[in-house]
Amino acid sequence: RIMTELSTEPLSPGSVRVIPSEVSQEDIRIKTLDNMAVVDIPFHYFNSMEKDNKRLIQSLYAVVNTLTDPINSCGISEVQFTVGGNLVDSHMDISLKEPFMMNPALIKEEP
């Protein structure tokens, strides 16, 4: 259900959609390993983003922060991203080889 919310248009004015509209909910797979969620995103997830690392980082951390938020009672404390089922070192200059942990400051949109 959490990923469904992230895959739809935001309800609040001025909010930004998290998962690009070109990426369907079915394109993203999640499995849990103890307290870690492994989120497999398709290759075209990156193509759907503008060539803007800031927007990509915000999108990734929106997923991380949502899955690791204690209010969701998932028991997840970190998120590892894979791409097309494979662990990748990086995309552009964003490291993807280590799991991400909650960081709410990174998803706030600047005016």
PDB file of N, CA and C in Angstrom:
ATOM      1  N   ARG A   1       0.811  -1.194   0.000  1.00  0.00           N
ATOM      2  CA  ARG A   1       0.000   0.000   0.000  1.00  0.00           C
ATOM      3  C   ARG A   1       0.857   1.261   0.000  1.00  0.00           C
ATOM      4  N   ILE A   2       1.980   1.237   0.695  1.00  0.00           N
ATOM      5  CA  ILE A   2       2.855   2.402   0.779  1.00  0.00           C
ATOM      6  C   ILE A   2       3.326   2.801  -0.614  1.00  0.00           C
ATOM      7  N   MET A   3       3.770   1.828  -1.403  1.00  0.00           N
ATOM      8  CA  MET A   3       4.268   2.146  -2.746  1.00  0.00           C
ATOM      9  C   MET A   3       3.137   2.623  -3.659  1.00  0.00           C
ATOM     10  N   THR A   4       1.925   2.191  -3.390  1.00  0.00           N
ATOM     11  CA  THR A   4       0.780   2.677  -4.163  1.00  0.00           C
ATOM     12  C   THR A   4       0.630   4.181  -3.971  1.00  0.00           C
ATOM     13  N   GLU A   5       0.748   4.616  -2.736  1.00  0.00           N
ATOM     14  CA  GLU A   5       0.639   6.048  -2.444  1.00  0.00           C
ATOM     15  C   GLU A   5       1.753   6.831  -3.136  1.00  0.00           C
ATOM     16  N   LEU A   6       2.955   6.274  -3.165  1.00  0.00           N
ATOM     17  CA  LEU A   6       4.081   6.973  -3.790  1.00  0.00           C
ATOM     18  C   LEU A   6       3.990   6.968  -5.314  1.00  0.00           C
ATOM     19  N   SER A   7       3.163   6.081  -5.857  1.00  0.00           N
ATOM     20  CA  SER A   7       3.032   5.949  -7.314  1.00  0.00           C
ATOM     21  C   SER A   7       1.878   6.761  -7.883  1.00  0.00           C
ATOM     22  N   THR A   8       1.224   7.535  -7.052  1.00  0.00           N
ATOM     23  CA  THR A   8       0.079   8.318  -7.525  1.00  0.00           C
ATOM     24  C   THR A   8       0.381   9.813  -7.426  1.00  0.00           C
ATOM     25  N   GLU A   9      -0.490  10.594  -8.020  1.00  0.00           N
ATOM     26  CA  GLU A   9      -0.330  12.049  -7.947  1.00  0.00           C
ATOM     27  C   GLU A   9      -0.530  12.500  -6.505  1.00  0.00           C
ATOM     28  N   PRO A  10       0.253  13.482  -6.053  1.00  0.00           N
ATOM     29  CA  PRO A  10       0.116  13.953  -4.678  1.00  0.00           C
ATOM     30  C   PRO A  10      -1.215  14.661  -4.442  1.00  0.00           C
ATOM     31  N   LEU A  11      -1.708  14.574  -3.225  1.00  0.00           N
ATOM     32  CA  LEU A  11      -2.967  15.226  -2.856  1.00  0.00           C
ATOM     33  C   LEU A  11      -2.753  16.684  -2.466  1.00  0.00           C
ATOM     34  N   SER A  12      -1.598  16.982  -1.889  1.00  0.00           N
ATOM     35  CA  SER A  12      -1.335  18.338  -1.418  1.00  0.00           C
ATOM     36  C   SER A  12      -0.818  19.229  -2.540  1.00  0.00           C
ATOM     37  N   PRO A  13      -1.367  20.422  -2.667  1.00  0.00           N
ATOM     38  CA  PRO A  13      -0.868  21.358  -3.676  1.00  0.00           C
ATOM     39  C   PRO A  13       0.598  21.682  -3.410  1.00  0.00           C
ATOM     40  N   GLY A  14       1.375  21.763  -4.461  1.00  0.00           N
ATOM     41  CA  GLY A  14       2.791  22.067  -4.336  1.00  0.00           C
ATOM     42  C   GLY A  14       3.662  20.861  -4.057  1.00  0.00           C
ATOM     43  N   SER A  15       3.053  19.702  -3.817  1.00  0.00           N
ATOM     44  CA  SER A  15       3.841  18.486  -3.593  1.00  0.00           C
ATOM     45  C   SER A  15       4.272  17.908  -4.935  1.00  0.00           C
ATOM     46  N   VAL A  16       5.301  17.102  -4.896  1.00  0.00           N
ATOM     47  CA  VAL A  16       5.861  16.506  -6.104  1.00  0.00           C
ATOM     48  C   VAL A  16       5.606  15.002  -6.082  1.00  0.00           C
ATOM     49  N   ARG A  17       5.235  14.456  -7.226  1.00  0.00           N
ATOM     50  CA  ARG A  17       5.048  13.005  -7.344  1.00  0.00           C
ATOM     51  C   ARG A  17       6.393  12.320  -7.081  1.00  0.00           C
ATOM     52  N   VAL A  18       6.380  11.235  -6.312  1.00  0.00           N
ATOM     53  CA  VAL A  18       7.617  10.546  -5.938  1.00  0.00           C
ATOM     54  C   VAL A  18       8.082   9.600  -7.039  1.00  0.00           C
ATOM     55  N   ILE A  19       7.237   8.655  -7.413  1.00  0.00           N
ATOM     56  CA  ILE A  19       7.579   7.691  -8.449  1.00  0.00           C
ATOM     57  C   ILE A  19       7.174   8.298  -9.798  1.00  0.00           C
ATOM     58  N   PRO A  20       8.108   8.365 -10.753  1.00  0.00           N
ATOM     59  CA  PRO A  20       7.767   8.952 -12.060  1.00  0.00           C
ATOM     60  C   PRO A  20       6.540   8.272 -12.680  1.00  0.00           C
ATOM     61  N   SER A  21       5.728   9.038 -13.362  1.00  0.00           N
ATOM     62  CA  SER A  21       4.485   8.503 -13.931  1.00  0.00           C
ATOM     63  C   SER A  21       4.743   7.416 -14.974  1.00  0.00           C
ATOM     64  N   GLU A  22       5.920   7.412 -15.582  1.00  0.00           N
ATOM     65  CA  GLU A  22       6.266   6.394 -16.581  1.00  0.00           C
ATOM     66  C   GLU A  22       6.588   5.050 -15.938  1.00  0.00           C
ATOM     67  N   VAL A  23       6.718   5.027 -14.626  1.00  0.00           N
ATOM     68  CA  VAL A  23       7.047   3.809 -13.888  1.00  0.00           C
ATOM     69  C   VAL A  23       5.786   3.366 -13.144  1.00  0.00           C
ATOM     70  N   SER A  24       5.320   2.162 -13.449  1.00  0.00           N
ATOM     71  CA  SER A  24       4.113   1.672 -12.786  1.00  0.00           C
ATOM     72  C   SER A  24       4.486   1.024 -11.456  1.00  0.00           C
ATOM     73  N   GLN A  25       3.495   0.902 -10.616  1.00  0.00           N
ATOM     74  CA  GLN A  25       3.695   0.251  -9.326  1.00  0.00           C
ATOM     75  C   GLN A  25       4.202  -1.176  -9.520  1.00  0.00           C
ATOM     76  N   GLU A  26       3.735  -1.838 -10.579  1.00  0.00           N
ATOM     77  CA  GLU A  26       4.150  -3.213 -10.853  1.00  0.00           C
ATOM     78  C   GLU A  26       5.617  -3.304 -11.292  1.00  0.00           C
ATOM     79  N   ASP A  27       6.199  -2.185 -11.738  1.00  0.00           N
ATOM     80  CA  ASP A  27       7.602  -2.163 -12.159  1.00  0.00           C
ATOM     81  C   ASP A  27       8.563  -2.217 -10.979  1.00  0.00           C
ATOM     82  N   ILE A  28       8.068  -1.909  -9.796  1.00  0.00           N
ATOM     83  CA  ILE A  28       8.914  -1.830  -8.611  1.00  0.00           C
ATOM     84  C   ILE A  28       8.617  -3.027  -7.711  1.00  0.00           C
ATOM     85  N   ARG A  29       9.665  -3.725  -7.342  1.00  0.00           N
ATOM     86  CA  ARG A  29       9.518  -4.910  -6.493  1.00  0.00           C
ATOM     87  C   ARG A  29      10.215  -4.642  -5.153  1.00  0.00           C
ATOM     88  N   ILE A  30       9.586  -5.104  -4.095  1.00  0.00           N
ATOM     89  CA  ILE A  30      10.152  -4.917  -2.762  1.00  0.00           C
ATOM     90  C   ILE A  30      10.182  -6.251  -2.044  1.00  0.00           C
ATOM     91  N   LYS A  31      11.316  -6.526  -1.419  1.00  0.00           N
ATOM     92  CA  LYS A  31      11.395  -7.685  -0.529  1.00  0.00           C
ATOM     93  C   LYS A  31      12.102  -7.224   0.738  1.00  0.00           C
ATOM     94  N   THR A  32      11.847  -7.920   1.820  1.00  0.00           N
ATOM     95  CA  THR A  32      12.473  -7.546   3.082  1.00  0.00           C
ATOM     96  C   THR A  32      13.436  -8.640   3.524  1.00  0.00           C
ATOM     97  N   LEU A  33      14.538  -8.185   4.076  1.00  0.00           N
ATOM     98  CA  LEU A  33      15.547  -9.059   4.674  1.00  0.00           C
ATOM     99  C   LEU A  33      15.815  -8.505   6.069  1.00  0.00           C
ATOM    100  N   ASP A  34      15.210  -9.120   7.062  1.00  0.00           N
ATOM    101  CA  ASP A  34      15.275  -8.623   8.442  1.00  0.00           C
ATOM    102  C   ASP A  34      14.747  -7.187   8.488  1.00  0.00           C
ATOM    103  N   ASN A  35      15.594  -6.226   8.847  1.00  0.00           N
ATOM    104  CA  ASN A  35      15.136  -4.838   8.961  1.00  0.00           C
ATOM    105  C   ASN A  35      15.464  -4.004   7.718  1.00  0.00           C
ATOM    106  N   MET A  36      15.822  -4.670   6.624  1.00  0.00           N
ATOM    107  CA  MET A  36      16.155  -3.960   5.392  1.00  0.00           C
ATOM    108  C   MET A  36      15.154  -4.287   4.287  1.00  0.00           C
ATOM    109  N   ALA A  37      14.712  -3.242   3.602  1.00  0.00           N
ATOM    110  CA  ALA A  37      13.876  -3.428   2.419  1.00  0.00           C
ATOM    111  C   ALA A  37      14.784  -3.333   1.201  1.00  0.00           C
ATOM    112  N   VAL A  38      14.646  -4.272   0.288  1.00  0.00           N
ATOM    113  CA  VAL A  38      15.362  -4.221  -0.980  1.00  0.00           C
ATOM    114  C   VAL A  38      14.335  -3.795  -2.022  1.00  0.00           C
ATOM    115  N   VAL A  39      14.558  -2.619  -2.589  1.00  0.00           N
ATOM    116  CA  VAL A  39      13.633  -2.046  -3.558  1.00  0.00           C
ATOM    117  C   VAL A  39      14.277  -2.144  -4.936  1.00  0.00           C
ATOM    118  N   ASP A  40      13.694  -2.968  -5.779  1.00  0.00           N
ATOM    119  CA  ASP A  40      14.201  -3.148  -7.134  1.00  0.00           C
ATOM    120  C   ASP A  40      13.447  -2.203  -8.072  1.00  0.00           C
ATOM    121  N   ILE A  41      14.181  -1.277  -8.654  1.00  0.00           N
ATOM    122  CA  ILE A  41      13.583  -0.325  -9.582  1.00  0.00           C
ATOM    123  C   ILE A  41      14.018  -0.668 -11.000  1.00  0.00           C
ATOM    124  N   PRO A  42      13.172  -0.389 -11.978  1.00  0.00           N
ATOM    125  CA  PRO A  42      13.538  -0.701 -13.360  1.00  0.00           C
ATOM    126  C   PRO A  42      14.537   0.323 -13.906  1.00  0.00           C
ATOM    127  N   PHE A  43      15.235  -0.059 -14.961  1.00  0.00           N
ATOM    128  CA  PHE A  43      16.193   0.843 -15.602  1.00  0.00           C
ATOM    129  C   PHE A  43      15.531   2.146 -16.018  1.00  0.00           C
ATOM    130  N   HIS A  44      14.290   2.064 -16.512  1.00  0.00           N
ATOM    131  CA  HIS A  44      13.648   3.276 -17.010  1.00  0.00           C
ATOM    132  C   HIS A  44      13.216   4.234 -15.897  1.00  0.00           C
ATOM    133  N   TYR A  45      13.367   3.861 -14.643  1.00  0.00           N
ATOM    134  CA  TYR A  45      13.123   4.785 -13.531  1.00  0.00           C
ATOM    135  C   TYR A  45      14.020   6.004 -13.687  1.00  0.00           C
ATOM    136  N   PHE A  46      15.290   5.761 -14.021  1.00  0.00           N
ATOM    137  CA  PHE A  46      16.251   6.852 -14.164  1.00  0.00           C
ATOM    138  C   PHE A  46      15.981   7.677 -15.413  1.00  0.00           C
ATOM    139  N   ASN A  47      15.542   7.022 -16.478  1.00  0.00           N
ATOM    140  CA  ASN A  47      15.232   7.743 -17.708  1.00  0.00           C
ATOM    141  C   ASN A  47      14.048   8.681 -17.519  1.00  0.00           C
ATOM    142  N   SER A  48      13.167   8.334 -16.590  1.00  0.00           N
ATOM    143  CA  SER A  48      11.980   9.131 -16.337  1.00  0.00           C
ATOM    144  C   SER A  48      12.300  10.397 -15.546  1.00  0.00           C
ATOM    145  N   MET A  49      13.433  10.391 -14.890  1.00  0.00           N
ATOM    146  CA  MET A  49      13.844  11.561 -14.106  1.00  0.00           C
ATOM    147  C   MET A  49      14.545  12.552 -15.023  1.00  0.00           C
ATOM    148  N   GLU A  50      14.395  13.811 -14.670  1.00  0.00           N
ATOM    149  CA  GLU A  50      15.177  14.812 -15.376  1.00  0.00           C
ATOM    150  C   GLU A  50      16.636  14.524 -15.054  1.00  0.00           C
ATOM    151  N   LYS A  51      17.523  15.040 -15.864  1.00  0.00           N
ATOM    152  CA  LYS A  51      18.953  14.831 -15.604  1.00  0.00           C
ATOM    153  C   LYS A  51      19.383  15.733 -14.448  1.00  0.00           C
ATOM    154  N   ASP A  52      18.682  15.579 -13.351  1.00  0.00           N
ATOM    155  CA  ASP A  52      18.882  16.417 -12.182  1.00  0.00           C
ATOM    156  C   ASP A  52      19.068  15.512 -10.974  1.00  0.00           C
ATOM    157  N   ASN A  53      20.297  15.450 -10.478  1.00  0.00           N
ATOM    158  CA  ASN A  53      20.582  14.580  -9.343  1.00  0.00           C
ATOM    159  C   ASN A  53      19.767  14.943  -8.113  1.00  0.00           C
ATOM    160  N   LYS A  54      19.506  16.223  -7.937  1.00  0.00           N
ATOM    161  CA  LYS A  54      18.741  16.659  -6.762  1.00  0.00           C
ATOM    162  C   LYS A  54      17.361  16.007  -6.766  1.00  0.00           C
ATOM    163  N   ARG A  55      16.684  16.015  -7.900  1.00  0.00           N
ATOM    164  CA  ARG A  55      15.345  15.413  -7.995  1.00  0.00           C
ATOM    165  C   ARG A  55      15.415  13.903  -7.771  1.00  0.00           C
ATOM    166  N   LEU A  56      16.447  13.247  -8.320  1.00  0.00           N
ATOM    167  CA  LEU A  56      16.606  11.806  -8.132  1.00  0.00           C
ATOM    168  C   LEU A  56      16.870  11.470  -6.667  1.00  0.00           C
ATOM    169  N   ILE A  57      17.726  12.229  -6.014  1.00  0.00           N
ATOM    170  CA  ILE A  57      18.014  11.998  -4.599  1.00  0.00           C
ATOM    171  C   ILE A  57      16.746  12.193  -3.776  1.00  0.00           C
ATOM    172  N   GLN A  58      15.979  13.224  -4.086  1.00  0.00           N
ATOM    173  CA  GLN A  58      14.715  13.458  -3.375  1.00  0.00           C
ATOM    174  C   GLN A  58      13.759  12.278  -3.566  1.00  0.00           C
ATOM    175  N   SER A  59      13.702  11.775  -4.781  1.00  0.00           N
ATOM    176  CA  SER A  59      12.811  10.649  -5.067  1.00  0.00           C
ATOM    177  C   SER A  59      13.235   9.397  -4.298  1.00  0.00           C
ATOM    178  N   LEU A  60      14.526   9.090  -4.324  1.00  0.00           N
ATOM    179  CA  LEU A  60      15.021   7.909  -3.615  1.00  0.00           C
ATOM    180  C   LEU A  60      14.781   8.038  -2.118  1.00  0.00           C
ATOM    181  N   TYR A  61      15.090   9.208  -1.572  1.00  0.00           N
ATOM    182  CA  TYR A  61      14.903   9.391  -0.133  1.00  0.00           C
ATOM    183  C   TYR A  61      13.432   9.470   0.263  1.00  0.00           C
ATOM    184  N   ALA A  62      12.571   9.879  -0.624  1.00  0.00           N
ATOM    185  CA  ALA A  62      11.138   9.840  -0.316  1.00  0.00           C
ATOM    186  C   ALA A  62      10.704   8.388  -0.107  1.00  0.00           C
ATOM    187  N   VAL A  63      11.219   7.490  -0.948  1.00  0.00           N
ATOM    188  CA  VAL A  63      10.927   6.058  -0.787  1.00  0.00           C
ATOM    189  C   VAL A  63      11.541   5.559   0.527  1.00  0.00           C
ATOM    190  N   VAL A  64      12.808   5.884   0.747  1.00  0.00           N
ATOM    191  CA  VAL A  64      13.509   5.438   1.959  1.00  0.00           C
ATOM    192  C   VAL A  64      12.792   5.942   3.207  1.00  0.00           C
ATOM    193  N   ASN A  65      12.516   7.235   3.247  1.00  0.00           N
ATOM    194  CA  ASN A  65      11.909   7.820   4.440  1.00  0.00           C
ATOM    195  C   ASN A  65      10.509   7.268   4.696  1.00  0.00           C
ATOM    196  N   THR A  66       9.784   6.989   3.634  1.00  0.00           N
ATOM    197  CA  THR A  66       8.443   6.427   3.801  1.00  0.00           C
ATOM    198  C   THR A  66       8.515   5.004   4.345  1.00  0.00           C
ATOM    199  N   LEU A  67       9.397   4.200   3.783  1.00  0.00           N
ATOM    200  CA  LEU A  67       9.500   2.802   4.233  1.00  0.00           C
ATOM    201  C   LEU A  67      10.093   2.676   5.637  1.00  0.00           C
ATOM    202  N   THR A  68      10.971   3.605   6.019  1.00  0.00           N
ATOM    203  CA  THR A  68      11.626   3.516   7.327  1.00  0.00           C
ATOM    204  C   THR A  68      10.916   4.309   8.419  1.00  0.00           C
ATOM    205  N   ASP A  69       9.895   5.051   8.066  1.00  0.00           N
ATOM    206  CA  ASP A  69       9.172   5.857   9.047  1.00  0.00           C
ATOM    207  C   ASP A  69       8.511   4.934  10.073  1.00  0.00           C
ATOM    208  N   PRO A  70       8.820   5.118  11.358  1.00  0.00           N
ATOM    209  CA  PRO A  70       8.232   4.243  12.395  1.00  0.00           C
ATOM    210  C   PRO A  70       6.709   4.247  12.394  1.00  0.00           C
ATOM    211  N   ILE A  71       6.099   5.312  11.931  1.00  0.00           N
ATOM    212  CA  ILE A  71       4.628   5.379  11.924  1.00  0.00           C
ATOM    213  C   ILE A  71       4.023   4.311  11.005  1.00  0.00           C
ATOM    214  N   ASN A  72       4.783   3.842  10.023  1.00  0.00           N
ATOM    215  CA  ASN A  72       4.282   2.820   9.106  1.00  0.00           C
ATOM    216  C   ASN A  72       4.371   1.409   9.680  1.00  0.00           C
ATOM    217  N   SER A  73       4.999   1.249  10.813  1.00  0.00           N
ATOM    218  CA  SER A  73       5.080  -0.036  11.520  1.00  0.00           C
ATOM    219  C   SER A  73       5.593  -1.176  10.652  1.00  0.00           C
ATOM    220  N   CYS A  74       6.530  -0.869   9.757  1.00  0.00           N
ATOM    221  CA  CYS A  74       7.090  -1.906   8.882  1.00  0.00           C
ATOM    222  C   CYS A  74       8.310  -2.583   9.506  1.00  0.00           C
ATOM    223  N   GLY A  75       8.933  -1.938  10.483  1.00  0.00           N
ATOM    224  CA  GLY A  75      10.145  -2.480  11.075  1.00  0.00           C
ATOM    225  C   GLY A  75      11.360  -2.352  10.183  1.00  0.00           C
ATOM    226  N   ILE A  76      11.271  -1.499   9.170  1.00  0.00           N
ATOM    227  CA  ILE A  76      12.375  -1.294   8.222  1.00  0.00           C
ATOM    228  C   ILE A  76      13.238  -0.135   8.715  1.00  0.00           C
ATOM    229  N   SER A  77      14.550  -0.338   8.755  1.00  0.00           N
ATOM    230  CA  SER A  77      15.452   0.737   9.175  1.00  0.00           C
ATOM    231  C   SER A  77      16.397   1.181   8.069  1.00  0.00           C
ATOM    232  N   GLU A  78      16.483   0.397   6.991  1.00  0.00           N
ATOM    233  CA  GLU A  78      17.330   0.792   5.863  1.00  0.00           C
ATOM    234  C   GLU A  78      16.775   0.207   4.578  1.00  0.00           C
ATOM    235  N   VAL A  79      17.157   0.856   3.463  1.00  0.00           N
ATOM    236  CA  VAL A  79      16.648   0.452   2.155  1.00  0.00           C
ATOM    237  C   VAL A  79      17.818   0.323   1.191  1.00  0.00           C
ATOM    238  N   GLN A  80      17.891  -0.827   0.540  1.00  0.00           N
ATOM    239  CA  GLN A  80      18.894  -1.066  -0.500  1.00  0.00           C
ATOM    240  C   GLN A  80      18.188  -1.022  -1.841  1.00  0.00           C
ATOM    241  N   PHE A  81      18.696  -0.208  -2.766  1.00  0.00           N
ATOM    242  CA  PHE A  81      18.123  -0.156  -4.106  1.00  0.00           C
ATOM    243  C   PHE A  81      18.900  -1.079  -5.034  1.00  0.00           C
ATOM    244  N   THR A  82      18.159  -1.810  -5.843  1.00  0.00           N
ATOM    245  CA  THR A  82      18.748  -2.566  -6.939  1.00  0.00           C
ATOM    246  C   THR A  82      18.090  -2.064  -8.220  1.00  0.00           C
ATOM    247  N   VAL A  83      18.762  -2.304  -9.328  1.00  0.00           N
ATOM    248  CA  VAL A  83      18.251  -1.836 -10.619  1.00  0.00           C
ATOM    249  C   VAL A  83      18.152  -3.036 -11.544  1.00  0.00           C
ATOM    250  N   GLY A  84      16.943  -3.335 -11.992  1.00  0.00           N
ATOM    251  CA  GLY A  84      16.742  -4.493 -12.851  1.00  0.00           C
ATOM    252  C   GLY A  84      17.177  -5.789 -12.203  1.00  0.00           C
ATOM    253  N   GLY A  85      17.062  -5.868 -10.873  1.00  0.00           N
ATOM    254  CA  GLY A  85      17.430  -7.070 -10.138  1.00  0.00           C
ATOM    255  C   GLY A  85      18.893  -7.159  -9.754  1.00  0.00           C
ATOM    256  N   ASN A  86      19.673  -6.162 -10.120  1.00  0.00           N
ATOM    257  CA  ASN A  86      21.106  -6.196  -9.841  1.00  0.00           C
ATOM    258  C   ASN A  86      21.539  -5.053  -8.933  1.00  0.00           C
ATOM    259  N   LEU A  87      22.475  -5.350  -8.060  1.00  0.00           N
ATOM    260  CA  LEU A  87      23.080  -4.312  -7.235  1.00  0.00           C
ATOM    261  C   LEU A  87      24.022  -3.514  -8.129  1.00  0.00           C
ATOM    262  N   VAL A  88      23.878  -2.203  -8.143  1.00  0.00           N
ATOM    263  CA  VAL A  88      24.747  -1.352  -8.950  1.00  0.00           C
ATOM    264  C   VAL A  88      25.499  -0.411  -8.019  1.00  0.00           C
ATOM    265  N   ASP A  89      26.698  -0.021  -8.429  1.00  0.00           N
ATOM    266  CA  ASP A  89      27.508   0.870  -7.604  1.00  0.00           C
ATOM    267  C   ASP A  89      26.942   2.276  -7.549  1.00  0.00           C
ATOM    268  N   SER A  90      26.516   2.786  -8.722  1.00  0.00           N
ATOM    269  CA  SER A  90      26.057   4.170  -8.746  1.00  0.00           C
ATOM    270  C   SER A  90      25.241   4.453 -10.002  1.00  0.00           C
ATOM    271  N   HIS A  91      24.559   5.567  -9.950  1.00  0.00           N
ATOM    272  CA  HIS A  91      23.909   6.130 -11.135  1.00  0.00           C
ATOM    273  C   HIS A  91      24.326   7.588 -11.163  1.00  0.00           C
ATOM    274  N   MET A  92      24.919   7.990 -12.278  1.00  0.00           N
ATOM    275  CA  MET A  92      25.543   9.305 -12.369  1.00  0.00           C
ATOM    276  C   MET A  92      26.522   9.391 -11.196  1.00  0.00           C
ATOM    277  N   ASP A  93      26.395  10.356 -10.318  1.00  0.00           N
ATOM    278  CA  ASP A  93      27.326  10.416  -9.184  1.00  0.00           C
ATOM    279  C   ASP A  93      26.647  10.083  -7.859  1.00  0.00           C
ATOM    280  N   ILE A  94      25.540   9.344  -7.921  1.00  0.00           N
ATOM    281  CA  ILE A  94      24.822   8.937  -6.711  1.00  0.00           C
ATOM    282  C   ILE A  94      25.167   7.485  -6.407  1.00  0.00           C
ATOM    283  N   SER A  95      25.762   7.255  -5.247  1.00  0.00           N
ATOM    284  CA  SER A  95      26.135   5.901  -4.854  1.00  0.00           C
ATOM    285  C   SER A  95      24.891   5.100  -4.479  1.00  0.00           C
ATOM    286  N   LEU A  96      24.789   3.905  -5.037  1.00  0.00           N
ATOM    287  CA  LEU A  96      23.669   3.003  -4.731  1.00  0.00           C
ATOM    288  C   LEU A  96      24.149   1.695  -4.106  1.00  0.00           C
ATOM    289  N   LYS A  97      25.460   1.594  -3.839  1.00  0.00           N
ATOM    290  CA  LYS A  97      25.992   0.311  -3.376  1.00  0.00           C
ATOM    291  C   LYS A  97      25.731   0.030  -1.904  1.00  0.00           C
ATOM    292  N   GLU A  98      25.483   1.062  -1.101  1.00  0.00           N
ATOM    293  CA  GLU A  98      25.206   0.880   0.324  1.00  0.00           C
ATOM    294  C   GLU A  98      23.736   1.173   0.598  1.00  0.00           C
ATOM    295  N   PRO A  99      23.174   0.530   1.612  1.00  0.00           N
ATOM    296  CA  PRO A  99      21.779   0.819   1.968  1.00  0.00           C
ATOM    297  C   PRO A  99      21.604   2.276   2.409  1.00  0.00           C
ATOM    298  N   PHE A 100      20.427   2.816   2.150  1.00  0.00           N
ATOM    299  CA  PHE A 100      20.071   4.169   2.548  1.00  0.00           C
ATOM    300  C   PHE A 100      19.344   4.100   3.892  1.00  0.00           C
ATOM    301  N   MET A 101      19.538   5.126   4.708  1.00  0.00           N
ATOM    302  CA  MET A 101      18.826   5.242   5.978  1.00  0.00           C
ATOM    303  C   MET A 101      18.026   6.537   5.964  1.00  0.00           C
ATOM    304  N   MET A 102      17.038   6.639   6.834  1.00  0.00           N
ATOM    305  CA  MET A 102      16.151   7.792   6.866  1.00  0.00           C
ATOM    306  C   MET A 102      16.922   9.117   6.955  1.00  0.00           C
ATOM    307  N   ASN A 103      16.492  10.075   6.136  1.00  0.00           N
ATOM    308  CA  ASN A 103      17.051  11.423   6.169  1.00  0.00           C
ATOM    309  C   ASN A 103      15.984  12.389   5.652  1.00  0.00           C
ATOM    310  N   PRO A 104      15.072  12.827   6.518  1.00  0.00           N
ATOM    311  CA  PRO A 104      13.960  13.676   6.086  1.00  0.00           C
ATOM    312  C   PRO A 104      14.388  14.991   5.453  1.00  0.00           C
ATOM    313  N   ALA A 105      15.535  15.514   5.799  1.00  0.00           N
ATOM    314  CA  ALA A 105      15.969  16.805   5.254  1.00  0.00           C
ATOM    315  C   ALA A 105      16.172  16.758   3.750  1.00  0.00           C
ATOM    316  N   LEU A 106      16.440  15.578   3.196  1.00  0.00           N
ATOM    317  CA  LEU A 106      16.742  15.476   1.771  1.00  0.00           C
ATOM    318  C   LEU A 106      15.525  15.437   0.866  1.00  0.00           C
ATOM    319  N   ILE A 107      14.331  15.352   1.413  1.00  0.00           N
ATOM    320  CA  ILE A 107      13.173  15.308   0.525  1.00  0.00           C
ATOM    321  C   ILE A 107      12.380  16.600   0.527  1.00  0.00           C
ATOM    322  N   LYS A 108      12.799  17.563   1.288  1.00  0.00           N
ATOM    323  CA  LYS A 108      12.090  18.842   1.301  1.00  0.00           C
ATOM    324  C   LYS A 108      12.395  19.604   0.028  1.00  0.00           C
ATOM    325  N   GLU A 109      11.358  20.096  -0.609  1.00  0.00           N
ATOM    326  CA  GLU A 109      11.489  20.862  -1.846  1.00  0.00           C
ATOM    327  C   GLU A 109      11.822  22.302  -1.485  1.00  0.00           C
ATOM    328  N   GLU A 110      12.867  22.838  -2.104  1.00  0.00           N
ATOM    329  CA  GLU A 110      13.213  24.233  -1.867  1.00  0.00           C
ATOM    330  C   GLU A 110      12.341  25.127  -2.731  1.00  0.00           C
ATOM    331  N   PRO A 111      12.015  26.321  -2.214  1.00  0.00           N
ATOM    332  CA  PRO A 111      11.166  27.230  -3.004  1.00  0.00           C
ATOM    333  C   PRO A 111      11.869  27.738  -4.240  1.00  0.00           C
TER     334      PRO A 111
END
